[in-house]
Structures are given as structure tokens and as C-alpha cells.
Protein backbone atom coordinates (compact mmCIF):
# COMPACT_ATOMS: atom_id res chain seq x y z
CA MET A 1 -10.84 49.99 -98.29
CA SER A 2 -7.84 50.47 -96.02
CA GLY A 3 -6.26 48.29 -93.37
CA ASN A 4 -3.70 45.44 -92.79
CA ILE A 5 -3.83 41.83 -93.50
CA SER A 6 -1.06 39.94 -91.71
CA VAL A 7 -0.21 36.78 -93.44
CA CYS A 8 1.06 33.68 -91.19
CA PHE A 9 2.80 30.77 -93.07
CA VAL A 10 2.35 27.81 -90.61
CA ASN A 11 2.85 24.13 -90.45
CA ASN A 12 -0.25 21.56 -90.20
CA LYS A 13 0.00 20.96 -86.78
CA LYS A 14 -0.44 24.87 -86.01
CA ILE A 15 -2.77 25.21 -88.52
CA LYS A 16 -5.13 22.35 -87.02
CA GLU A 17 -4.63 23.27 -84.02
CA LEU A 18 -6.49 26.87 -84.73
CA ASN A 19 -8.98 24.88 -86.63
CA SER A 20 -9.48 23.43 -83.87
CA ARG A 21 -9.77 26.48 -81.19
CA PHE A 22 -11.37 28.83 -83.36
CA HIS A 23 -13.53 27.05 -85.58
CA ALA A 24 -14.16 23.76 -83.44
CA ARG A 25 -12.84 21.73 -86.18
CA PRO A 26 -9.65 19.42 -84.90
CA GLU A 27 -8.33 18.87 -88.49
CA VAL A 28 -5.66 20.23 -91.03
CA THR A 29 -6.95 22.75 -93.32
CA ASP A 30 -5.50 24.68 -95.93
CA VAL A 31 -6.17 28.43 -94.94
CA LEU A 32 -7.59 30.10 -92.38
CA ALA A 33 -9.25 33.69 -92.59
CA PHE A 34 -9.22 35.69 -89.20
CA ASP A 35 -11.73 39.26 -89.30
CA LEU A 36 -10.31 41.06 -86.76
CA ARG A 37 -12.84 44.40 -87.23
CA ASN A 38 -14.72 46.00 -84.79
CA ALA A 39 -17.42 48.55 -85.06
CA LEU A 40 -14.45 51.24 -84.39
CA ASP A 41 -12.91 50.40 -87.66
CA LYS A 42 -15.74 52.28 -89.69
CA GLY A 43 -14.99 50.47 -93.41
CA LYS A 44 -11.21 49.58 -92.56
CA LEU A 45 -10.27 45.56 -93.07
CA PHE A 46 -8.12 44.17 -90.35
CA ALA A 47 -7.37 40.31 -90.28
CA ASP A 48 -5.30 37.52 -90.06
CA ILE A 49 -4.74 34.64 -92.26
CA ALA A 50 -2.36 31.40 -91.58
CA ILE A 51 -1.67 29.31 -94.33
CA SER A 52 -0.39 26.11 -93.96
CA THR A 53 3.09 25.09 -96.02
CA ASP A 54 2.91 21.49 -95.67
CA LYS A 55 -0.92 21.47 -97.07
CA ALA A 56 0.01 23.72 -100.17
CA LYS A 57 2.97 21.09 -100.84
CA GLU A 58 0.65 18.23 -100.04
CA ASN A 59 -2.06 19.61 -102.45
CA ALA A 60 0.17 21.03 -105.10
CA GLU A 61 1.48 17.33 -105.46
CA ILE A 62 -1.59 15.98 -105.63
CA PHE A 63 -3.32 18.61 -108.29
CA ASP A 64 0.35 18.64 -110.43
CA THR A 65 1.11 22.33 -109.76
CA SER A 66 3.65 24.49 -107.99
CA ASN A 67 3.89 24.75 -104.26
CA GLN A 68 4.03 28.86 -105.11
CA GLN A 69 0.74 28.63 -107.19
CA LYS A 70 -0.76 26.62 -103.87
CA LEU A 71 0.43 29.59 -101.58
CA ASP A 72 -0.72 32.30 -104.04
CA LEU A 73 -4.34 30.62 -104.29
CA TYR A 74 -4.48 30.18 -100.36
CA ALA A 75 -3.85 33.75 -99.34
CA VAL A 76 -6.43 34.85 -102.45
CA HIS A 77 -8.98 32.22 -100.96
CA GLY A 78 -8.13 33.82 -97.21
CA VAL A 79 -9.11 37.52 -98.86
CA LEU A 80 -12.36 36.40 -100.50
CA HIS A 81 -13.40 35.11 -96.89
CA LEU A 82 -12.64 38.46 -95.45
CA LEU A 83 -14.62 40.33 -97.98
CA GLY A 84 -17.79 38.00 -97.46
CA TYR A 85 -17.32 35.41 -99.80
CA ASN A 86 -17.92 31.77 -98.79
CA ASP A 87 -17.84 28.08 -99.78
CA SER A 88 -20.13 26.75 -97.94
CA THR A 89 -22.90 25.35 -100.64
CA PRO A 90 -21.56 23.73 -104.29
CA LYS A 91 -22.59 27.44 -105.62
CA LYS A 92 -20.95 29.26 -103.31
CA LYS A 93 -18.13 26.96 -103.78
CA ALA A 94 -17.97 27.74 -107.94
CA ARG A 95 -18.25 31.10 -107.29
CA MET A 96 -15.74 31.64 -105.02
CA ARG A 97 -13.29 29.39 -107.81
CA GLU A 98 -14.68 31.98 -110.36
CA LYS A 99 -13.32 34.96 -108.01
CA GLU A 100 -10.00 33.18 -107.55
CA CYS A 101 -9.40 32.57 -111.12
CA GLN A 102 -10.02 36.36 -111.53
CA PHE A 103 -6.79 36.89 -109.53
CA ILE A 104 -4.57 34.47 -110.47
CA LYS A 105 -4.10 32.09 -113.13
CA LEU A 106 -4.71 28.47 -112.13
CA LYS A 107 -3.83 25.32 -113.58
CA GLN A 108 -7.12 23.49 -114.75
């Protein structure tokens, strides 16, 4: 698959604004993925991923990992959402976590 993915690093205020505007959830989150494909793209992937650097720092401290590891995780997580994975149920969340682990080495 070809195309373009833009990754934007934002603060908690901005990701909360995006989450509220596009998902009607006025709360801070770690990553948001926006699929920008349309019928004319014919198999190409065009997307934006927004990652909260504030949330990455907070979660790195909570989970005793590096900030870079959290940023890597959020980027992979966003791409997986774009590829059709979701974490809306415990089973789907476990599958997504398994896929994340395939792409990055997570501290357990």
C-alpha cells in the first residue's frame, strides 16, 4: 500500500480540542488517527496522526518507560487504527496490543 501519513505532535490542549471536534469527546487522549482516503484514492493510504507529547511524557513516567518509547507506541497505534484495527472491546484491544508488540519492543 502506498500513500502518505503525516504525524503531528501536539500538546494536551490541542489533542483535547481535536478529540472534541472530530469525535465529540472533550477529553485528552494520547493519539488520534484521521483517515483521509476517498473513493478516488484506489488503495492508497492518506492520513494524519496527532500525538500528544504531554500525554506521552505523563504515561512514560506512569509506566516507567522512555518518552520515545511512548511516542513510538502511539505512532504504531495510530497506524494500526488506519489499517482497521480498533480497541473498542477487550478482545480487540488485546489483538491490537499484540500487533503493537510485533512492531516495537515494549517494556512489560
